[in-house]
């Protein structure tokens, strides 16, 4: 991707995408439990396979990293909810895994641009 080329980044592997592609419900729950306060439960919407947690249920250090993530790599207007993709990316960042930011950022730009918003904002 152009972002990787511009910053001289080489990405042979992308642990984030690989994790998302092979993630089971059990491994996703294990990731969530390692990053959140005890007793945190998933919010799950059947039919759309949408998993999320409340941001305030993240452990303190994870909340700091989440602020970085949601303002740079994966912008969002939903301040109180952490979805599955953001939680997995947060896990990969804090675990020091390889991430292809040159792939994620353009995907997020397209996603933001495709959303119908009253303000017509692009959060990058």
Protein backbone atom coordinates (compact mmCIF):
# COMPACT_ATOMS: atom_id res chain seq x y z
CA UNK A 1 0.00 0.00 0.00
CA UNK A 2 1.10 3.58 -0.56
CA UNK A 3 1.17 4.36 3.17
CA UNK A 4 3.64 1.54 3.79
CA UNK A 5 5.80 2.65 0.86
CA UNK A 6 5.75 6.30 2.00
CA UNK A 7 6.94 5.41 5.50
CA UNK A 8 9.32 2.68 4.33
CA UNK A 9 7.38 -0.05 6.10
CA UNK A 10 7.67 -3.67 5.04
CA UNK A 11 5.01 -6.10 6.07
CA UNK A 12 5.57 -9.76 5.33
CA UNK A 13 2.88 -10.86 7.76
CA UNK A 14 -0.21 -9.19 9.11
CA UNK A 15 -1.08 -10.74 12.45
CA UNK A 16 -4.17 -8.54 12.80
CA UNK A 17 -5.82 -9.75 9.58
CA UNK A 18 -4.74 -13.34 10.25
CA UNK A 19 -6.24 -13.18 13.74
CA UNK A 20 -9.53 -11.74 12.46
CA UNK A 21 -9.80 -14.40 9.76
CA UNK A 22 -9.32 -17.41 12.04
CA UNK A 23 -10.91 -16.09 15.23
CA UNK A 24 -13.27 -18.40 17.09
CA UNK A 25 -15.84 -17.23 19.62
CA UNK A 26 -13.78 -18.85 22.38
CA UNK A 27 -10.50 -17.17 21.37
CA UNK A 28 -12.26 -13.82 20.95
CA UNK A 29 -13.68 -14.14 24.46
CA UNK A 30 -10.22 -15.07 25.78
CA UNK A 31 -8.74 -11.94 24.16
CA UNK A 32 -11.54 -9.80 25.61
CA UNK A 33 -11.14 -11.23 29.10
CA UNK A 34 -7.41 -10.44 29.09
CA UNK A 35 -8.05 -6.79 28.22
CA UNK A 36 -11.06 -5.98 30.38
CA UNK A 37 -12.07 -5.75 34.01
CA UNK A 38 -13.31 -8.95 35.66
CA UNK A 39 -16.91 -9.79 34.88
CA UNK A 40 -17.09 -7.98 31.54
CA UNK A 41 -19.66 -9.49 29.22
CA UNK A 42 -20.04 -9.26 25.47
CA UNK A 43 -22.87 -7.25 23.97
CA UNK A 44 -23.95 -9.45 21.06
CA UNK A 45 -26.53 -8.72 18.38
CA UNK A 46 -27.80 -11.93 16.81
CA UNK A 47 -28.35 -12.01 13.10
CA UNK A 48 -25.59 -9.49 12.37
CA UNK A 49 -22.74 -11.23 14.24
CA UNK A 50 -21.88 -7.96 15.98
CA UNK A 51 -19.77 -8.24 19.12
CA UNK A 52 -18.93 -5.24 21.31
CA UNK A 53 -18.01 -4.20 24.83
CA UNK A 54 -18.26 -0.93 26.72
CA UNK A 55 -15.08 1.14 26.55
CA UNK A 56 -15.09 1.71 30.31
CA UNK A 57 -14.82 -2.05 30.88
CA UNK A 58 -11.30 -1.99 29.38
CA UNK A 59 -8.42 -2.12 31.84
CA UNK A 60 -6.89 1.33 32.41
CA UNK A 61 -3.82 0.82 30.22
CA UNK A 62 -6.01 -0.56 27.42
CA UNK A 63 -8.18 2.58 27.57
CA UNK A 64 -5.10 4.70 26.90
CA UNK A 65 -4.12 2.54 23.92
CA UNK A 66 -7.72 2.59 22.70
CA UNK A 67 -7.69 6.41 22.63
CA UNK A 68 -4.63 6.24 20.36
CA UNK A 69 -6.28 3.64 18.13
CA UNK A 70 -9.63 5.41 17.77
CA UNK A 71 -8.04 8.76 16.93
CA UNK A 72 -5.44 7.53 14.44
CA UNK A 73 -5.76 4.09 12.86
CA UNK A 74 -9.49 3.34 13.23
CA UNK A 75 -11.43 6.56 13.88
CA UNK A 76 -14.91 6.23 15.31
CA UNK A 77 -17.67 8.50 16.52
CA UNK A 78 -18.86 5.82 18.94
CA UNK A 79 -16.94 6.74 22.06
CA UNK A 80 -18.55 4.29 24.48
CA UNK A 81 -18.52 1.07 22.43
CA UNK A 82 -15.53 -1.05 21.34
CA UNK A 83 -16.38 -3.41 18.49
CA UNK A 84 -14.71 -6.73 17.70
CA UNK A 85 -12.33 -5.38 15.03
CA UNK A 86 -11.08 -2.57 17.27
CA UNK A 87 -10.68 -4.94 20.22
CA UNK A 88 -8.62 -7.38 18.13
CA UNK A 89 -6.47 -4.54 16.75
CA UNK A 90 -5.95 -3.24 20.29
CA UNK A 91 -4.89 -6.75 21.33
CA UNK A 92 -2.42 -7.01 18.43
CA UNK A 93 -0.92 -3.57 19.19
CA UNK A 94 -0.46 -4.26 22.90
CA UNK A 95 0.91 -7.76 22.20
CA UNK A 96 3.53 -6.32 19.82
CA UNK A 97 2.23 -8.23 16.82
CA UNK A 98 2.79 -7.20 13.20
CA UNK A 99 0.09 -4.97 11.76
CA UNK A 100 -0.27 -3.71 8.20
CA UNK A 101 -1.38 -0.14 8.89
CA UNK A 102 -1.10 0.59 5.16
CA UNK A 103 -3.98 -1.81 4.65
CA UNK A 104 -6.11 -0.83 7.65
CA UNK A 105 -6.10 2.95 7.16
CA UNK A 106 -7.36 2.91 3.54
CA UNK A 107 -10.06 0.39 4.53
CA UNK A 108 -11.17 2.71 7.32
CA UNK A 109 -11.17 5.76 5.03
CA UNK A 110 -13.43 3.93 2.56
CA UNK A 111 -15.65 2.75 5.41
CA UNK A 112 -15.98 6.29 6.83
CA UNK A 113 -16.64 7.77 3.38
CA UNK A 114 -19.32 5.17 2.61
CA UNK A 115 -21.32 5.90 5.76
CA UNK A 116 -24.19 8.28 5.30
CA UNK A 117 -23.64 10.99 7.85
CA UNK A 118 -25.60 14.17 8.50
CA UNK A 119 -22.36 16.07 8.89
CA UNK A 120 -20.69 14.45 5.86
CA UNK A 121 -17.51 14.09 7.90
CA UNK A 122 -14.46 11.99 7.14
CA UNK A 123 -12.70 11.32 10.43
CA UNK A 124 -9.14 11.22 9.06
